[in-house]
Amino acid sequence: MNTDTTTRAQWQPNLSVADDGSLLAVWYDERETTNCTKGDESVPCYRMWARRSTDNGATWLPDEPFSDVVSPFPANLTQAS
């Protein structure tokens, strides 16, 4: 699905299916960064990317950004209880 030619991380894929047979695959992707640092909010690290199919997955449109910003990694990835 991913056409990125770098070796940067991609994770948390998700596939959605609609009644009309269209599919949307989305994932987090680091392709736009080379120096991501956990906790440094001034360094953009990842963005959601997506690919769409309109024919039950037989063919796919090009992958493209799904979110409108490149986000930094937070310093603390755990949630408060």
PDB file of N, CA and C in Angstrom:
ATOM      1  N   MET A   1       0.823  -1.201   0.000  1.00  0.00           N
ATOM      2  CA  MET A   1       0.000   0.000   0.000  1.00  0.00           C
ATOM      3  C   MET A   1       0.861   1.258   0.000  1.00  0.00           C
ATOM      4  N   ASN A   2       1.902   1.254   0.807  1.00  0.00           N
ATOM      5  CA  ASN A   2       2.733   2.428   0.972  1.00  0.00           C
ATOM      6  C   ASN A   2       3.748   2.497  -0.162  1.00  0.00           C
ATOM      7  N   THR A   3       3.808   3.631  -0.853  1.00  0.00           N
ATOM      8  CA  THR A   3       4.761   3.782  -1.950  1.00  0.00           C
ATOM      9  C   THR A   3       5.999   4.573  -1.541  1.00  0.00           C
ATOM     10  N   ASP A   4       6.130   4.889  -0.272  1.00  0.00           N
ATOM     11  CA  ASP A   4       7.305   5.595   0.226  1.00  0.00           C
ATOM     12  C   ASP A   4       8.538   4.718   0.024  1.00  0.00           C
ATOM     13  N   THR A   5       9.610   5.290  -0.490  1.00  0.00           N
ATOM     14  CA  THR A   5      10.811   4.510  -0.769  1.00  0.00           C
ATOM     15  C   THR A   5      11.861   4.612   0.331  1.00  0.00           C
ATOM     16  N   THR A   6      11.564   5.346   1.414  1.00  0.00           N
ATOM     17  CA  THR A   6      12.511   5.416   2.524  1.00  0.00           C
ATOM     18  C   THR A   6      12.321   4.197   3.428  1.00  0.00           C
ATOM     19  N   THR A   7      13.169   4.095   4.434  1.00  0.00           N
ATOM     20  CA  THR A   7      13.030   3.023   5.422  1.00  0.00           C
ATOM     21  C   THR A   7      12.479   3.566   6.734  1.00  0.00           C
ATOM     22  N   ARG A   8      11.863   4.734   6.694  1.00  0.00           N
ATOM     23  CA  ARG A   8      11.301   5.319   7.906  1.00  0.00           C
ATOM     24  C   ARG A   8      10.038   4.567   8.309  1.00  0.00           C
ATOM     25  N   ALA A   9       9.701   4.682   9.571  1.00  0.00           N
ATOM     26  CA  ALA A   9       8.609   3.884  10.142  1.00  0.00           C
ATOM     27  C   ALA A   9       7.237   4.281   9.600  1.00  0.00           C
ATOM     28  N   GLN A  10       6.390   3.275   9.460  1.00  0.00           N
ATOM     29  CA  GLN A  10       4.949   3.435   9.234  1.00  0.00           C
ATOM     30  C   GLN A  10       4.264   2.491  10.208  1.00  0.00           C
ATOM     31  N   TRP A  11       3.170   2.926  10.840  1.00  0.00           N
ATOM     32  CA  TRP A  11       2.542   2.097  11.865  1.00  0.00           C
ATOM     33  C   TRP A  11       1.061   2.410  12.015  1.00  0.00           C
ATOM     34  N   GLN A  12       0.391   1.569  12.766  1.00  0.00           N
ATOM     35  CA  GLN A  12      -1.049   1.601  13.051  1.00  0.00           C
ATOM     36  C   GLN A  12      -1.906   1.713  11.796  1.00  0.00           C
ATOM     37  N   PRO A  13      -1.827   0.729  10.917  1.00  0.00           N
ATOM     38  CA  PRO A  13      -2.684   0.756   9.731  1.00  0.00           C
ATOM     39  C   PRO A  13      -4.146   0.514  10.120  1.00  0.00           C
ATOM     40  N   ASN A  14      -5.023   1.059   9.306  1.00  0.00           N
ATOM     41  CA  ASN A  14      -6.458   0.910   9.517  1.00  0.00           C
ATOM     42  C   ASN A  14      -7.115   0.830   8.152  1.00  0.00           C
ATOM     43  N   LEU A  15      -8.074  -0.067   7.996  1.00  0.00           N
ATOM     44  CA  LEU A  15      -8.791  -0.214   6.736  1.00  0.00           C
ATOM     45  C   LEU A  15     -10.279  -0.045   6.983  1.00  0.00           C
ATOM     46  N   SER A  16     -10.884   0.881   6.257  1.00  0.00           N
ATOM     47  CA  SER A  16     -12.327   1.120   6.349  1.00  0.00           C
ATOM     48  C   SER A  16     -12.985   0.719   5.040  1.00  0.00           C
ATOM     49  N   VAL A  17     -14.166   0.113   5.135  1.00  0.00           N
ATOM     50  CA  VAL A  17     -14.901  -0.350   3.959  1.00  0.00           C
ATOM     51  C   VAL A  17     -16.278   0.292   3.964  1.00  0.00           C
ATOM     52  N   ALA A  18     -16.690   0.833   2.819  1.00  0.00           N
ATOM     53  CA  ALA A  18     -18.008   1.461   2.688  1.00  0.00           C
ATOM     54  C   ALA A  18     -18.956   0.539   1.918  1.00  0.00           C
ATOM     55  N   ASP A  19     -20.242   0.792   2.040  1.00  0.00           N
ATOM     56  CA  ASP A  19     -21.257  -0.019   1.359  1.00  0.00           C
ATOM     57  C   ASP A  19     -21.110  -0.013  -0.167  1.00  0.00           C
ATOM     58  N   ASP A  20     -20.530   1.055  -0.725  1.00  0.00           N
ATOM     59  CA  ASP A  20     -20.389   1.147  -2.183  1.00  0.00           C
ATOM     60  C   ASP A  20     -19.156   0.417  -2.712  1.00  0.00           C
ATOM     61  N   GLY A  21     -18.430  -0.292  -1.843  1.00  0.00           N
ATOM     62  CA  GLY A  21     -17.258  -1.045  -2.264  1.00  0.00           C
ATOM     63  C   GLY A  21     -15.966  -0.250  -2.240  1.00  0.00           C
ATOM     64  N   SER A  22     -16.029   0.983  -1.769  1.00  0.00           N
ATOM     65  CA  SER A  22     -14.795   1.758  -1.662  1.00  0.00           C
ATOM     66  C   SER A  22     -14.086   1.415  -0.351  1.00  0.00           C
ATOM     67  N   LEU A  23     -12.763   1.477  -0.395  1.00  0.00           N
ATOM     68  CA  LEU A  23     -11.942   1.190   0.774  1.00  0.00           C
ATOM     69  C   LEU A  23     -11.007   2.369   1.026  1.00  0.00           C
ATOM     70  N   LEU A  24     -10.692   2.595   2.287  1.00  0.00           N
ATOM     71  CA  LEU A  24      -9.740   3.634   2.659  1.00  0.00           C
ATOM     72  C   LEU A  24      -8.755   3.035   3.647  1.00  0.00           C
ATOM     73  N   ALA A  25      -7.485   3.027   3.275  1.00  0.00           N
ATOM     74  CA  ALA A  25      -6.422   2.564   4.160  1.00  0.00           C
ATOM     75  C   ALA A  25      -5.686   3.793   4.674  1.00  0.00           C
ATOM     76  N   VAL A  26      -5.487   3.892   5.993  1.00  0.00           N
ATOM     77  CA  VAL A  26      -4.751   5.013   6.589  1.00  0.00           C
ATOM     78  C   VAL A  26      -3.686   4.465   7.531  1.00  0.00           C
ATOM     79  N   TRP A  27      -2.611   5.237   7.741  1.00  0.00           N
ATOM     80  CA  TRP A  27      -1.526   4.827   8.633  1.00  0.00           C
ATOM     81  C   TRP A  27      -0.719   6.058   9.016  1.00  0.00           C
ATOM     82  N   TYR A  28       0.025   5.935  10.111  1.00  0.00           N
ATOM     83  CA  TYR A  28       0.980   6.970  10.508  1.00  0.00           C
ATOM     84  C   TYR A  28       2.279   6.731   9.752  1.00  0.00           C
ATOM     85  N   ASP A  29       2.976   7.814   9.377  1.00  0.00           N
ATOM     86  CA  ASP A  29       4.125   7.698   8.492  1.00  0.00           C
ATOM     87  C   ASP A  29       5.167   8.764   8.825  1.00  0.00           C
ATOM     88  N   GLU A  30       6.444   8.350   8.896  1.00  0.00           N
ATOM     89  CA  GLU A  30       7.550   9.265   9.181  1.00  0.00           C
ATOM     90  C   GLU A  30       8.311   9.701   7.927  1.00  0.00           C
ATOM     91  N   ARG A  31       7.772   9.501   6.760  1.00  0.00           N
ATOM     92  CA  ARG A  31       8.519   9.762   5.517  1.00  0.00           C
ATOM     93  C   ARG A  31       8.974  11.209   5.354  1.00  0.00           C
ATOM     94  N   GLU A  32       8.343  12.151   6.050  1.00  0.00           N
ATOM     95  CA  GLU A  32       8.675  13.558   5.857  1.00  0.00           C
ATOM     96  C   GLU A  32       9.707  14.100   6.845  1.00  0.00           C
ATOM     97  N   THR A  33      10.337  13.248   7.614  1.00  0.00           N
ATOM     98  CA  THR A  33      11.314  13.715   8.597  1.00  0.00           C
ATOM     99  C   THR A  33      12.576  12.861   8.549  1.00  0.00           C
ATOM    100  N   THR A  34      13.675  13.457   8.967  1.00  0.00           N
ATOM    101  CA  THR A  34      14.919  12.706   9.058  1.00  0.00           C
ATOM    102  C   THR A  34      15.532  12.788  10.449  1.00  0.00           C
ATOM    103  N   ASN A  35      14.998  13.651  11.303  1.00  0.00           N
ATOM    104  CA  ASN A  35      15.602  13.844  12.620  1.00  0.00           C
ATOM    105  C   ASN A  35      14.562  13.942  13.726  1.00  0.00           C
ATOM    106  N   CYS A  36      13.632  13.043  13.752  1.00  0.00           N
ATOM    107  CA  CYS A  36      12.566  13.063  14.740  1.00  0.00           C
ATOM    108  C   CYS A  36      13.125  12.777  16.139  1.00  0.00           C
ATOM    109  N   THR A  37      12.710  13.602  17.105  1.00  0.00           N
ATOM    110  CA  THR A  37      13.172  13.449  18.477  1.00  0.00           C
ATOM    111  C   THR A  37      11.975  13.447  19.416  1.00  0.00           C
ATOM    112  N   LYS A  38      11.816  12.375  20.175  1.00  0.00           N
ATOM    113  CA  LYS A  38      10.722  12.273  21.132  1.00  0.00           C
ATOM    114  C   LYS A  38      10.792  13.436  22.118  1.00  0.00           C
ATOM    115  N   GLY A  39       9.700  14.153  22.269  1.00  0.00           N
ATOM    116  CA  GLY A  39       9.603  15.243  23.226  1.00  0.00           C
ATOM    117  C   GLY A  39      10.025  16.599  22.708  1.00  0.00           C
ATOM    118  N   ASP A  40      10.592  16.691  21.505  1.00  0.00           N
ATOM    119  CA  ASP A  40      10.983  17.980  20.938  1.00  0.00           C
ATOM    120  C   ASP A  40       9.835  18.480  20.069  1.00  0.00           C
ATOM    121  N   GLU A  41       9.029  19.355  20.617  1.00  0.00           N
ATOM    122  CA  GLU A  41       7.835  19.818  19.915  1.00  0.00           C
ATOM    123  C   GLU A  41       8.138  20.731  18.732  1.00  0.00           C
ATOM    124  N   SER A  42       9.404  21.114  18.550  1.00  0.00           N
ATOM    125  CA  SER A  42       9.768  21.959  17.414  1.00  0.00           C
ATOM    126  C   SER A  42      10.139  21.135  16.177  1.00  0.00           C
ATOM    127  N   VAL A  43      10.237  19.809  16.332  1.00  0.00           N
ATOM    128  CA  VAL A  43      10.620  18.939  15.213  1.00  0.00           C
ATOM    129  C   VAL A  43       9.412  18.122  14.755  1.00  0.00           C
ATOM    130  N   PRO A  44       8.911  18.371  13.549  1.00  0.00           N
ATOM    131  CA  PRO A  44       7.798  17.565  13.044  1.00  0.00           C
ATOM    132  C   PRO A  44       8.258  16.131  12.768  1.00  0.00           C
ATOM    133  N   CYS A  45       7.415  15.161  13.106  1.00  0.00           N
ATOM    134  CA  CYS A  45       7.818  13.752  13.034  1.00  0.00           C
ATOM    135  C   CYS A  45       6.948  12.873  12.148  1.00  0.00           C
ATOM    136  N   TYR A  46       5.656  13.003  12.216  1.00  0.00           N
ATOM    137  CA  TYR A  46       4.802  12.055  11.492  1.00  0.00           C
ATOM    138  C   TYR A  46       3.512  12.712  11.039  1.00  0.00           C
ATOM    139  N   ARG A  47       2.890  12.084  10.073  1.00  0.00           N
ATOM    140  CA  ARG A  47       1.603  12.525   9.543  1.00  0.00           C
ATOM    141  C   ARG A  47       0.818  11.268   9.187  1.00  0.00           C
ATOM    142  N   MET A  48      -0.493  11.372   9.162  1.00  0.00           N
ATOM    143  CA  MET A  48      -1.314  10.267   8.663  1.00  0.00           C
ATOM    144  C   MET A  48      -1.346  10.344   7.136  1.00  0.00           C
ATOM    145  N   TRP A  49      -1.162   9.177   6.514  1.00  0.00           N
ATOM    146  CA  TRP A  49      -1.248   9.044   5.065  1.00  0.00           C
ATOM    147  C   TRP A  49      -2.369   8.067   4.735  1.00  0.00           C
ATOM    148  N   ALA A  50      -2.836   8.080   3.487  1.00  0.00           N
ATOM    149  CA  ALA A  50      -3.959   7.220   3.105  1.00  0.00           C
ATOM    150  C   ALA A  50      -3.884   6.845   1.629  1.00  0.00           C
ATOM    151  N   ARG A  51      -4.558   5.749   1.329  1.00  0.00           N
ATOM    152  CA  ARG A  51      -4.818   5.335  -0.062  1.00  0.00           C
ATOM    153  C   ARG A  51      -6.264   4.902  -0.147  1.00  0.00           C
ATOM    154  N   ARG A  52      -6.878   5.164  -1.301  1.00  0.00           N
ATOM    155  CA  ARG A  52      -8.289   4.851  -1.492  1.00  0.00           C
ATOM    156  C   ARG A  52      -8.466   3.959  -2.710  1.00  0.00           C
ATOM    157  N   SER A  53      -9.415   3.047  -2.583  1.00  0.00           N
ATOM    158  CA  SER A  53      -9.817   2.198  -3.702  1.00  0.00           C
ATOM    159  C   SER A  53     -11.313   2.402  -3.921  1.00  0.00           C
ATOM    160  N   THR A  54     -11.712   2.495  -5.169  1.00  0.00           N
ATOM    161  CA  THR A  54     -13.140   2.654  -5.477  1.00  0.00           C
ATOM    162  C   THR A  54     -13.731   1.404  -6.119  1.00  0.00           C
ATOM    163  N   ASP A  55     -12.933   0.308  -6.172  1.00  0.00           N
ATOM    164  CA  ASP A  55     -13.401  -0.913  -6.846  1.00  0.00           C
ATOM    165  C   ASP A  55     -13.122  -2.170  -6.015  1.00  0.00           C
ATOM    166  N   ASN A  56     -13.481  -2.103  -4.744  1.00  0.00           N
ATOM    167  CA  ASN A  56     -13.331  -3.246  -3.838  1.00  0.00           C
ATOM    168  C   ASN A  56     -11.880  -3.689  -3.646  1.00  0.00           C
ATOM    169  N   GLY A  57     -10.923  -2.788  -3.862  1.00  0.00           N
ATOM    170  CA  GLY A  57      -9.524  -3.106  -3.626  1.00  0.00           C
ATOM    171  C   GLY A  57      -8.776  -3.655  -4.836  1.00  0.00           C
ATOM    172  N   ALA A  58      -9.418  -3.729  -6.001  1.00  0.00           N
ATOM    173  CA  ALA A  58      -8.731  -4.231  -7.198  1.00  0.00           C
ATOM    174  C   ALA A  58      -7.622  -3.273  -7.634  1.00  0.00           C
ATOM    175  N   THR A  59      -7.878  -1.980  -7.534  1.00  0.00           N
ATOM    176  CA  THR A  59      -6.874  -0.957  -7.837  1.00  0.00           C
ATOM    177  C   THR A  59      -6.923   0.099  -6.740  1.00  0.00           C
ATOM    178  N   TRP A  60      -5.818   0.845  -6.629  1.00  0.00           N
ATOM    179  CA  TRP A  60      -5.709   1.867  -5.577  1.00  0.00           C
ATOM    180  C   TRP A  60      -5.228   3.180  -6.168  1.00  0.00           C
ATOM    181  N   LEU A  61      -5.792   4.280  -5.680  1.00  0.00           N
ATOM    182  CA  LEU A  61      -5.311   5.608  -6.048  1.00  0.00           C
ATOM    183  C   LEU A  61      -3.964   5.839  -5.360  1.00  0.00           C
ATOM    184  N   PRO A  62      -3.187   6.833  -5.785  1.00  0.00           N
ATOM    185  CA  PRO A  62      -1.897   7.095  -5.140  1.00  0.00           C
ATOM    186  C   PRO A  62      -2.060   7.429  -3.657  1.00  0.00           C
ATOM    187  N   ASP A  63      -1.038   7.093  -2.854  1.00  0.00           N
ATOM    188  CA  ASP A  63      -1.104   7.479  -1.450  1.00  0.00           C
ATOM    189  C   ASP A  63      -0.892   8.985  -1.343  1.00  0.00           C
ATOM    190  N   GLU A  64      -1.541   9.577  -0.349  1.00  0.00           N
ATOM    191  CA  GLU A  64      -1.485  11.020  -0.164  1.00  0.00           C
ATOM    192  C   GLU A  64      -1.654  11.356   1.315  1.00  0.00           C
ATOM    193  N   PRO A  65      -1.213  12.559   1.707  1.00  0.00           N
ATOM    194  CA  PRO A  65      -1.400  12.949   3.109  1.00  0.00           C
ATOM    195  C   PRO A  65      -2.877  12.918   3.491  1.00  0.00           C
ATOM    196  N   PHE A  66      -3.168  12.400   4.667  1.00  0.00           N
ATOM    197  CA  PHE A  66      -4.535  12.336   5.171  1.00  0.00           C
ATOM    198  C   PHE A  66      -4.779  13.426   6.210  1.00  0.00           C
ATOM    199  N   SER A  67      -3.749  13.759   6.975  1.00  0.00           N
ATOM    200  CA  SER A  67      -3.865  14.873   7.921  1.00  0.00           C
ATOM    201  C   SER A  67      -3.195  16.104   7.327  1.00  0.00           C
ATOM    202  N   ASP A  68      -3.538  17.270   7.838  1.00  0.00           N
ATOM    203  CA  ASP A  68      -3.019  18.499   7.254  1.00  0.00           C
ATOM    204  C   ASP A  68      -1.767  19.037   7.941  1.00  0.00           C
ATOM    205  N   VAL A  69      -1.267  18.352   8.964  1.00  0.00           N
ATOM    206  CA  VAL A  69      -0.055  18.794   9.658  1.00  0.00           C
ATOM    207  C   VAL A  69       0.880  17.611   9.903  1.00  0.00           C
ATOM    208  N   VAL A  70       2.167  17.931  10.029  1.00  0.00           N
ATOM    209  CA  VAL A  70       3.152  16.947  10.465  1.00  0.00           C
ATOM    210  C   VAL A  70       3.350  17.199  11.951  1.00  0.00           C
ATOM    211  N   SER A  71       3.104  16.186  12.773  1.00  0.00           N
ATOM    212  CA  SER A  71       3.081  16.336  14.228  1.00  0.00           C
ATOM    213  C   SER A  71       4.387  15.893  14.875  1.00  0.00           C
ATOM    214  N   PRO A  72       4.761  16.527  16.014  1.00  0.00           N
ATOM    215  CA  PRO A  72       5.916  16.058  16.776  1.00  0.00           C
ATOM    216  C   PRO A  72       5.524  14.884  17.669  1.00  0.00           C
ATOM    217  N   PHE A  73       6.520  14.093  18.103  1.00  0.00           N
ATOM    218  CA  PHE A  73       6.267  13.046  19.091  1.00  0.00           C
ATOM    219  C   PHE A  73       6.199  13.692  20.463  1.00  0.00           C
ATOM    220  N   PRO A  74       5.175  13.413  21.255  1.00  0.00           N
ATOM    221  CA  PRO A  74       5.111  13.965  22.611  1.00  0.00           C
ATOM    222  C   PRO A  74       6.179  13.363  23.498  1.00  0.00           C
ATOM    223  N   ALA A  75       6.543  14.078  24.555  1.00  0.00           N
ATOM    224  CA  ALA A  75       7.557  13.580  25.491  1.00  0.00           C
ATOM    225  C   ALA A  75       7.064  12.372  26.254  1.00  0.00           C
ATOM    226  N   ASN A  76       5.766  12.343  26.602  1.00  0.00           N
ATOM    227  CA  ASN A  76       5.210  11.258  27.376  1.00  0.00           C
ATOM    228  C   ASN A  76       4.060  10.642  26.592  1.00  0.00           C
ATOM    229  N   LEU A  77       4.207   9.401  26.175  1.00  0.00           N
ATOM    230  CA  LEU A  77       3.183   8.742  25.377  1.00  0.00           C
ATOM    231  C   LEU A  77       2.143   8.008  26.202  1.00  0.00           C
ATOM    232  N   THR A  78       2.247   8.033  27.531  1.00  0.00           N
ATOM    233  CA  THR A  78       1.263   7.352  28.374  1.00  0.00           C
ATOM    234  C   THR A  78       0.134   8.302  28.713  1.00  0.00           C
ATOM    235  N   GLN A  79      -1.025   7.728  28.968  1.00  0.00           N
ATOM    236  CA  GLN A  79      -2.187   8.525  29.327  1.00  0.00           C
ATOM    237  C   GLN A  79      -2.366   8.535  30.830  1.00  0.00           C
ATOM    238  N   ALA A  80      -2.857   9.654  31.330  1.00  0.00           N
ATOM    239  CA  ALA A  80      -3.159   9.737  32.771  1.00  0.00           C
ATOM    240  C   ALA A  80      -4.404   8.916  33.058  1.00  0.00           C
ATOM    241  N   SER A  81      -4.443   8.281  34.234  1.00  0.00           N
ATOM    242  CA  SER A  81      -5.623   7.491  34.560  1.00  0.00           C
ATOM    243  C   SER A  81      -6.614   8.269  35.374  1.00  0.00           C
TER     244      SER A  81
END
